[in-house]
């Protein structure tokens, strides 16, 4: 059996009576699991969780090409979360993922496009996982696929993909995601300046609330927060 056939068998094997909650991001990996679920003939409902910092091109791509995917609106935007938490999201304090991307699928078997070769952290994930803290089970049917195999499948199936990949973007998640490297976040700021300035406005509101509550900070301006957040001495002039 090739990897496509193996992934389809995995999806068939673990199907539940209520079907899968399919986590759909509009990226290449979620496109693959969506197509594989269709090929497997299993029951599933796909969900795209808006974060308020999604690239506009991704949102447009999902709405135009996947009309049956449910678009989930978060109760709070990223800008509100920054103010409420008194700091931007970081690798160690990833409140954004919890509040914006991981809310759905409670009590369900969640299918994702996670792959081992994406990062060191994901290389330790297994095909089937459970998380008692959020009452979810997870199936990652393409966990052992390479990026090349993902693209081979997309081309073989003739699937349309988001235009950002043709711009050289290898991952198309949240704009200026703290899990991205320094260079990627600076590149995002340049690519989407409106979002960069929205972050600065959120940082100003965050500082205003901290100061109103008598909190002292080493940050004096929203630009100070931005420099600390993306770890640069000079910010891009946008």
C-alpha atoms as a PDB file:
ATOM      1  CA  UNK A   1       0.000   0.000   0.000  1.00  0.00           C
ATOM      2  CA  UNK A   2       1.211   3.521  -0.728  1.00  0.00           C
ATOM      3  CA  UNK A   3       0.880   6.355   1.778  1.00  0.00           C
ATOM      4  CA  UNK A   4      -2.386   7.591   0.282  1.00  0.00           C
ATOM      5  CA  UNK A   5      -3.978   4.176   0.682  1.00  0.00           C
ATOM      6  CA  UNK A   6      -2.575   3.851   4.215  1.00  0.00           C
ATOM      7  CA  UNK A   7      -3.955   7.261   5.221  1.00  0.00           C
ATOM      8  CA  UNK A   8      -7.383   6.361   3.832  1.00  0.00           C
ATOM      9  CA  UNK A   9      -7.370   3.097   5.796  1.00  0.00           C
ATOM     10  CA  UNK A  10      -6.445   4.980   8.960  1.00  0.00           C
ATOM     11  CA  UNK A  11      -9.336   7.371   8.437  1.00  0.00           C
ATOM     12  CA  UNK A  12     -11.770   4.506   7.831  1.00  0.00           C
ATOM     13  CA  UNK A  13     -10.517   2.543  10.835  1.00  0.00           C
ATOM     14  CA  UNK A  14     -11.024   5.276  13.423  1.00  0.00           C
ATOM     15  CA  UNK A  15     -14.317   6.713  12.131  1.00  0.00           C
ATOM     16  CA  UNK A  16     -16.831   7.354  14.927  1.00  0.00           C
ATOM     17  CA  UNK A  17     -20.650   7.262  14.650  1.00  0.00           C
ATOM     18  CA  UNK A  18     -20.871  11.068  14.807  1.00  0.00           C
ATOM     19  CA  UNK A  19     -18.012  11.450  12.339  1.00  0.00           C
ATOM     20  CA  UNK A  20     -14.825  13.489  12.497  1.00  0.00           C
ATOM     21  CA  UNK A  21     -14.380  17.110  13.491  1.00  0.00           C
ATOM     22  CA  UNK A  22     -11.944  18.081  10.730  1.00  0.00           C
ATOM     23  CA  UNK A  23      -9.650  20.984  11.634  1.00  0.00           C
ATOM     24  CA  UNK A  24      -9.317  23.012   8.430  1.00  0.00           C
ATOM     25  CA  UNK A  25      -6.857  25.904   8.129  1.00  0.00           C
ATOM     26  CA  UNK A  26      -6.866  26.472   4.381  1.00  0.00           C
ATOM     27  CA  UNK A  27      -3.240  25.346   4.228  1.00  0.00           C
ATOM     28  CA  UNK A  28      -1.818  22.533   2.135  1.00  0.00           C
ATOM     29  CA  UNK A  29      -1.974  19.868   4.873  1.00  0.00           C
ATOM     30  CA  UNK A  30      -5.595  20.505   5.787  1.00  0.00           C
ATOM     31  CA  UNK A  31      -6.496  20.429   2.090  1.00  0.00           C
ATOM     32  CA  UNK A  32      -4.969  16.954   1.892  1.00  0.00           C
ATOM     33  CA  UNK A  33      -6.854  15.528   4.874  1.00  0.00           C
ATOM     34  CA  UNK A  34     -10.085  17.069   3.589  1.00  0.00           C
ATOM     35  CA  UNK A  35      -9.623  15.307   0.255  1.00  0.00           C
ATOM     36  CA  UNK A  36      -8.560  12.052   1.931  1.00  0.00           C
ATOM     37  CA  UNK A  37     -11.693  12.120   4.113  1.00  0.00           C
ATOM     38  CA  UNK A  38     -13.789  12.510   0.960  1.00  0.00           C
ATOM     39  CA  UNK A  39     -11.947   9.616  -0.699  1.00  0.00           C
ATOM     40  CA  UNK A  40     -12.440   7.459   2.409  1.00  0.00           C
ATOM     41  CA  UNK A  41     -16.179   8.105   2.289  1.00  0.00           C
ATOM     42  CA  UNK A  42     -16.383   8.816   6.018  1.00  0.00           C
ATOM     43  CA  UNK A  43     -18.657  11.208   7.845  1.00  0.00           C
ATOM     44  CA  UNK A  44     -17.010  14.498   8.817  1.00  0.00           C
ATOM     45  CA  UNK A  45     -17.675  18.170   9.320  1.00  0.00           C
ATOM     46  CA  UNK A  46     -14.864  20.629   8.593  1.00  0.00           C
ATOM     47  CA  UNK A  47     -14.236  23.792  10.596  1.00  0.00           C
ATOM     48  CA  UNK A  48     -12.102  26.855   9.879  1.00  0.00           C
ATOM     49  CA  UNK A  49     -11.413  28.807  13.076  1.00  0.00           C
ATOM     50  CA  UNK A  50     -10.901  32.479  12.324  1.00  0.00           C
ATOM     51  CA  UNK A  51      -8.250  34.128  14.482  1.00  0.00           C
ATOM     52  CA  UNK A  52      -8.651  37.776  13.313  1.00  0.00           C
ATOM     53  CA  UNK A  53      -4.992  37.650  12.184  1.00  0.00           C
ATOM     54  CA  UNK A  54      -5.432  35.191   9.320  1.00  0.00           C
ATOM     55  CA  UNK A  55      -3.948  36.313   5.994  1.00  0.00           C
ATOM     56  CA  UNK A  56      -6.832  37.791   3.957  1.00  0.00           C
ATOM     57  CA  UNK A  57      -5.755  35.623   1.031  1.00  0.00           C
ATOM     58  CA  UNK A  58      -6.345  32.475   3.100  1.00  0.00           C
ATOM     59  CA  UNK A  59      -9.807  33.574   4.240  1.00  0.00           C
ATOM     60  CA  UNK A  60     -10.772  34.387   0.646  1.00  0.00           C
ATOM     61  CA  UNK A  61      -9.404  31.037  -0.564  1.00  0.00           C
ATOM     62  CA  UNK A  62     -11.433  29.070   1.989  1.00  0.00           C
ATOM     63  CA  UNK A  63     -14.659  30.962   1.330  1.00  0.00           C
ATOM     64  CA  UNK A  64     -14.354  30.594  -2.455  1.00  0.00           C
ATOM     65  CA  UNK A  65     -13.160  26.991  -2.666  1.00  0.00           C
ATOM     66  CA  UNK A  66     -14.569  25.289   0.433  1.00  0.00           C
ATOM     67  CA  UNK A  67     -18.101  26.676   0.895  1.00  0.00           C
ATOM     68  CA  UNK A  68     -19.114  23.677   3.024  1.00  0.00           C
ATOM     69  CA  UNK A  69     -16.412  24.357   5.617  1.00  0.00           C
ATOM     70  CA  UNK A  70     -17.912  26.006   8.691  1.00  0.00           C
ATOM     71  CA  UNK A  71     -16.214  29.324   9.482  1.00  0.00           C
ATOM     72  CA  UNK A  72     -16.001  29.742  13.256  1.00  0.00           C
ATOM     73  CA  UNK A  73     -15.963  33.298  14.659  1.00  0.00           C
ATOM     74  CA  UNK A  74     -13.960  33.658  17.902  1.00  0.00           C
ATOM     75  CA  UNK A  75     -15.601  35.318  20.934  1.00  0.00           C
ATOM     76  CA  UNK A  76     -12.574  37.633  21.241  1.00  0.00           C
ATOM     77  CA  UNK A  77     -10.200  38.995  18.625  1.00  0.00           C
ATOM     78  CA  UNK A  78      -6.426  38.837  18.912  1.00  0.00           C
ATOM     79  CA  UNK A  79      -6.426  42.564  19.667  1.00  0.00           C
ATOM     80  CA  UNK A  80      -8.754  42.096  22.663  1.00  0.00           C
ATOM     81  CA  UNK A  81      -6.782  39.105  23.921  1.00  0.00           C
ATOM     82  CA  UNK A  82      -3.550  41.127  23.918  1.00  0.00           C
ATOM     83  CA  UNK A  83      -5.159  43.820  26.073  1.00  0.00           C
ATOM     84  CA  UNK A  84      -6.804  41.321  28.439  1.00  0.00           C
ATOM     85  CA  UNK A  85      -3.583  39.319  28.929  1.00  0.00           C
ATOM     86  CA  UNK A  86      -1.354  42.355  29.423  1.00  0.00           C
ATOM     87  CA  UNK A  87       1.262  41.078  26.977  1.00  0.00           C
ATOM     88  CA  UNK A  88       1.567  39.787  23.417  1.00  0.00           C
ATOM     89  CA  UNK A  89       1.352  36.020  22.908  1.00  0.00           C
ATOM     90  CA  UNK A  90       4.692  34.213  23.061  1.00  0.00           C
ATOM     91  CA  UNK A  91       6.036  30.704  22.580  1.00  0.00           C
ATOM     92  CA  UNK A  92       5.709  30.142  26.322  1.00  0.00           C
ATOM     93  CA  UNK A  93       2.373  31.909  26.767  1.00  0.00           C
ATOM     94  CA  UNK A  94       0.369  30.811  23.759  1.00  0.00           C
ATOM     95  CA  UNK A  95      -3.041  31.986  24.916  1.00  0.00           C
ATOM     96  CA  UNK A  96      -3.895  32.872  21.319  1.00  0.00           C
ATOM     97  CA  UNK A  97      -3.922  29.234  20.161  1.00  0.00           C
ATOM     98  CA  UNK A  98      -6.073  28.168  23.097  1.00  0.00           C
ATOM     99  CA  UNK A  99      -8.621  30.942  22.622  1.00  0.00           C
ATOM    100  CA  UNK A 100      -8.662  31.256  18.838  1.00  0.00           C
ATOM    101  CA  UNK A 101      -7.785  27.891  17.280  1.00  0.00           C
ATOM    102  CA  UNK A 102      -8.359  25.110  19.786  1.00  0.00           C
ATOM    103  CA  UNK A 103     -11.882  25.837  21.018  1.00  0.00           C
ATOM    104  CA  UNK A 104     -13.826  23.462  18.812  1.00  0.00           C
ATOM    105  CA  UNK A 105     -14.171  19.709  18.701  1.00  0.00           C
ATOM    106  CA  UNK A 106     -14.757  19.079  22.412  1.00  0.00           C
ATOM    107  CA  UNK A 107     -15.953  15.518  22.925  1.00  0.00           C
ATOM    108  CA  UNK A 108     -15.162  14.647  19.298  1.00  0.00           C
ATOM    109  CA  UNK A 109     -12.434  12.838  17.377  1.00  0.00           C
ATOM    110  CA  UNK A 110     -10.527  15.698  15.754  1.00  0.00           C
ATOM    111  CA  UNK A 111      -8.713  15.039  12.468  1.00  0.00           C
ATOM    112  CA  UNK A 112      -5.716  17.260  11.721  1.00  0.00           C
ATOM    113  CA  UNK A 113      -3.003  17.577   9.092  1.00  0.00           C
ATOM    114  CA  UNK A 114      -0.135  17.569  11.585  1.00  0.00           C
ATOM    115  CA  UNK A 115       3.062  16.031  10.201  1.00  0.00           C
ATOM    116  CA  UNK A 116       6.180  14.902  12.043  1.00  0.00           C
ATOM    117  CA  UNK A 117       8.642  16.692   9.775  1.00  0.00           C
ATOM    118  CA  UNK A 118       7.115  20.134  10.385  1.00  0.00           C
ATOM    119  CA  UNK A 119       9.028  20.823  13.601  1.00  0.00           C
ATOM    120  CA  UNK A 120      10.980  19.258  16.447  1.00  0.00           C
ATOM    121  CA  UNK A 121       7.919  19.447  18.695  1.00  0.00           C
ATOM    122  CA  UNK A 122       5.713  17.683  16.154  1.00  0.00           C
ATOM    123  CA  UNK A 123       8.295  14.974  15.555  1.00  0.00           C
ATOM    124  CA  UNK A 124       7.294  13.607  18.983  1.00  0.00           C
ATOM    125  CA  UNK A 125       3.571  13.430  18.186  1.00  0.00           C
ATOM    126  CA  UNK A 126       1.830  10.127  17.481  1.00  0.00           C
ATOM    127  CA  UNK A 127      -0.850   9.237  14.959  1.00  0.00           C
ATOM    128  CA  UNK A 128      -3.571   8.902  17.618  1.00  0.00           C
ATOM    129  CA  UNK A 129      -3.581  11.105  20.708  1.00  0.00           C
ATOM    130  CA  UNK A 130      -5.904  12.034  23.539  1.00  0.00           C
ATOM    131  CA  UNK A 131      -6.047  15.131  25.691  1.00  0.00           C
ATOM    132  CA  UNK A 132      -8.098  14.764  28.857  1.00  0.00           C
ATOM    133  CA  UNK A 133      -7.754  18.484  29.667  1.00  0.00           C
ATOM    134  CA  UNK A 134      -9.916  19.431  26.691  1.00  0.00           C
ATOM    135  CA  UNK A 135     -11.862  16.162  26.311  1.00  0.00           C
ATOM    136  CA  UNK A 136     -10.655  15.495  22.781  1.00  0.00           C
ATOM    137  CA  UNK A 137      -9.152  12.664  20.797  1.00  0.00           C
ATOM    138  CA  UNK A 138      -6.961  13.373  17.784  1.00  0.00           C
ATOM    139  CA  UNK A 139      -6.173  11.515  14.581  1.00  0.00           C
ATOM    140  CA  UNK A 140      -3.263  12.709  12.427  1.00  0.00           C
ATOM    141  CA  UNK A 141      -3.567  10.480   9.331  1.00  0.00           C
ATOM    142  CA  UNK A 142      -0.673  12.040   7.370  1.00  0.00           C
ATOM    143  CA  UNK A 143       1.723  12.360  10.299  1.00  0.00           C
ATOM    144  CA  UNK A 144       4.390  10.372   8.418  1.00  0.00           C
ATOM    145  CA  UNK A 145       4.091  12.297   5.131  1.00  0.00           C
ATOM    146  CA  UNK A 146       6.837  14.589   3.871  1.00  0.00           C
ATOM    147  CA  UNK A 147       6.173  18.047   2.474  1.00  0.00           C
ATOM    148  CA  UNK A 148       7.036  16.749  -1.001  1.00  0.00           C
ATOM    149  CA  UNK A 149       4.468  13.968  -0.651  1.00  0.00           C
ATOM    150  CA  UNK A 150       1.846  16.539   0.338  1.00  0.00           C
ATOM    151  CA  UNK A 151       2.536  18.594  -2.794  1.00  0.00           C
ATOM    152  CA  UNK A 152       2.644  15.467  -4.966  1.00  0.00           C
ATOM    153  CA  UNK A 153      -0.835  14.537  -3.719  1.00  0.00           C
ATOM    154  CA  UNK A 154      -2.193  18.058  -4.296  1.00  0.00           C
ATOM    155  CA  UNK A 155      -0.946  18.047  -7.886  1.00  0.00           C
ATOM    156  CA  UNK A 156      -2.117  14.484  -8.484  1.00  0.00           C
ATOM    157  CA  UNK A 157      -5.626  15.390  -7.313  1.00  0.00           C
ATOM    158  CA  UNK A 158      -5.614  18.740  -9.137  1.00  0.00           C
ATOM    159  CA  UNK A 159      -6.465  20.669  -5.964  1.00  0.00           C
ATOM    160  CA  UNK A 160      -6.450  24.451  -5.985  1.00  0.00           C
ATOM    161  CA  UNK A 161      -4.274  26.012  -3.286  1.00  0.00           C
ATOM    162  CA  UNK A 162      -3.838  29.439  -1.721  1.00  0.00           C
ATOM    163  CA  UNK A 163      -1.873  31.935  -3.836  1.00  0.00           C
ATOM    164  CA  UNK A 164       0.507  32.673  -0.945  1.00  0.00           C
ATOM    165  CA  UNK A 165       2.394  29.463  -1.666  1.00  0.00           C
ATOM    166  CA  UNK A 166       3.299  30.841  -5.080  1.00  0.00           C
ATOM    167  CA  UNK A 167       4.782  33.874  -3.305  1.00  0.00           C
ATOM    168  CA  UNK A 168       7.236  31.591  -1.542  1.00  0.00           C
ATOM    169  CA  UNK A 169       5.335  31.188   1.733  1.00  0.00           C
ATOM    170  CA  UNK A 170       5.930  27.696   3.090  1.00  0.00           C
ATOM    171  CA  UNK A 171       3.433  28.018   5.945  1.00  0.00           C
ATOM    172  CA  UNK A 172       0.409  30.291   5.902  1.00  0.00           C
ATOM    173  CA  UNK A 173      -0.723  30.557   9.501  1.00  0.00           C
ATOM    174  CA  UNK A 174      -1.425  33.638  11.583  1.00  0.00           C
ATOM    175  CA  UNK A 175       0.234  36.906  10.587  1.00  0.00           C
ATOM    176  CA  UNK A 176       3.325  37.537  12.786  1.00  0.00           C
ATOM    177  CA  UNK A 177       2.759  34.300  14.722  1.00  0.00           C
ATOM    178  CA  UNK A 178       5.165  34.098  17.703  1.00  0.00           C
ATOM    179  CA  UNK A 179       6.014  30.521  16.672  1.00  0.00           C
ATOM    180  CA  UNK A 180       7.551  31.911  13.494  1.00  0.00           C
ATOM    181  CA  UNK A 181      11.147  33.040  13.426  1.00  0.00           C
ATOM    182  CA  UNK A 182      12.262  36.659  13.651  1.00  0.00           C
ATOM    183  CA  UNK A 183      12.775  37.003   9.894  1.00  0.00           C
ATOM    184  CA  UNK A 184       9.337  35.563   9.139  1.00  0.00           C
ATOM    185  CA  UNK A 185       7.591  37.977  11.503  1.00  0.00           C
ATOM    186  CA  UNK A 186       9.391  40.973   9.998  1.00  0.00           C
ATOM    187  CA  UNK A 187       8.490  39.702   6.528  1.00  0.00           C
ATOM    188  CA  UNK A 188       4.844  39.380   7.623  1.00  0.00           C
ATOM    189  CA  UNK A 189       4.872  42.977   8.903  1.00  0.00           C
ATOM    190  CA  UNK A 190       6.119  44.169   5.522  1.00  0.00           C
ATOM    191  CA  UNK A 191       3.686  41.949   3.586  1.00  0.00           C
ATOM    192  CA  UNK A 192       0.637  42.975   5.656  1.00  0.00           C
ATOM    193  CA  UNK A 193       1.323  46.485   7.077  1.00  0.00           C
ATOM    194  CA  UNK A 194      -2.301  47.012   8.159  1.00  0.00           C
ATOM    195  CA  UNK A 195      -2.000  44.090  10.566  1.00  0.00           C
ATOM    196  CA  UNK A 196       1.364  45.377  11.801  1.00  0.00           C
ATOM    197  CA  UNK A 197      -0.260  48.694  12.700  1.00  0.00           C
ATOM    198  CA  UNK A 198      -3.210  46.884  14.275  1.00  0.00           C
ATOM    199  CA  UNK A 199      -0.751  45.103  16.568  1.00  0.00           C
ATOM    200  CA  UNK A 200       0.791  48.463  17.502  1.00  0.00           C
ATOM    201  CA  UNK A 201      -2.638  49.899  18.356  1.00  0.00           C
ATOM    202  CA  UNK A 202      -3.406  46.845  20.480  1.00  0.00           C
ATOM    203  CA  UNK A 203      -0.071  47.249  22.276  1.00  0.00           C
ATOM    204  CA  UNK A 204      -0.936  50.886  23.031  1.00  0.00           C
ATOM    205  CA  UNK A 205      -4.311  49.892  24.523  1.00  0.00           C
ATOM    206  CA  UNK A 206      -2.551  47.166  26.494  1.00  0.00           C
ATOM    207  CA  UNK A 207      -0.054  49.667  27.917  1.00  0.00           C
ATOM    208  CA  UNK A 208      -2.828  52.151  28.728  1.00  0.00           C
ATOM    209  CA  UNK A 209      -4.640  49.519  30.778  1.00  0.00           C
ATOM    210  CA  UNK A 210      -1.475  48.411  32.571  1.00  0.00           C
ATOM    211  CA  UNK A 211      -0.573  52.003  33.487  1.00  0.00           C
ATOM    212  CA  UNK A 212      -4.152  52.751  34.576  1.00  0.00           C
ATOM    213  CA  UNK A 213      -3.862  49.850  37.019  1.00  0.00           C
ATOM    214  CA  UNK A 214      -0.590  51.154  38.411  1.00  0.00           C
ATOM    215  CA  UNK A 215       1.610  48.594  36.705  1.00  0.00           C
ATOM    216  CA  UNK A 216       5.131  49.694  35.885  1.00  0.00           C
ATOM    217  CA  UNK A 217       6.632  48.446  32.628  1.00  0.00           C
ATOM    218  CA  UNK A 218       9.958  48.754  30.871  1.00  0.00           C
ATOM    219  CA  UNK A 219       7.962  49.441  27.719  1.00  0.00           C
ATOM    220  CA  UNK A 220       7.293  53.119  27.092  1.00  0.00           C
ATOM    221  CA  UNK A 221       5.723  52.908  23.649  1.00  0.00           C
ATOM    222  CA  UNK A 222       3.956  50.313  21.510  1.00  0.00           C
ATOM    223  CA  UNK A 223       7.093  50.277  19.359  1.00  0.00           C
ATOM    224  CA  UNK A 224       9.063  49.146  22.428  1.00  0.00           C
ATOM    225  CA  UNK A 225       6.652  46.243  22.812  1.00  0.00           C
ATOM    226  CA  UNK A 226       6.996  45.367  19.136  1.00  0.00           C
ATOM    227  CA  UNK A 227      10.803  45.364  19.286  1.00  0.00           C
ATOM    228  CA  UNK A 228      10.725  43.088  22.337  1.00  0.00           C
ATOM    229  CA  UNK A 229       8.131  40.831  20.728  1.00  0.00           C
ATOM    230  CA  UNK A 230       9.982  40.211  17.475  1.00  0.00           C
ATOM    231  CA  UNK A 231      13.453  40.696  19.023  1.00  0.00           C
ATOM    232  CA  UNK A 232      14.821  43.394  16.747  1.00  0.00           C
ATOM    233  CA  UNK A 233      16.686  46.637  17.406  1.00  0.00           C
ATOM    234  CA  UNK A 234      15.038  48.534  14.590  1.00  0.00           C
ATOM    235  CA  UNK A 235      11.525  48.141  13.259  1.00  0.00           C
ATOM    236  CA  UNK A 236      10.697  48.203   9.562  1.00  0.00           C
ATOM    237  CA  UNK A 237       9.517  51.612   8.379  1.00  0.00           C
ATOM    238  CA  UNK A 238       5.966  51.001   7.180  1.00  0.00           C
END
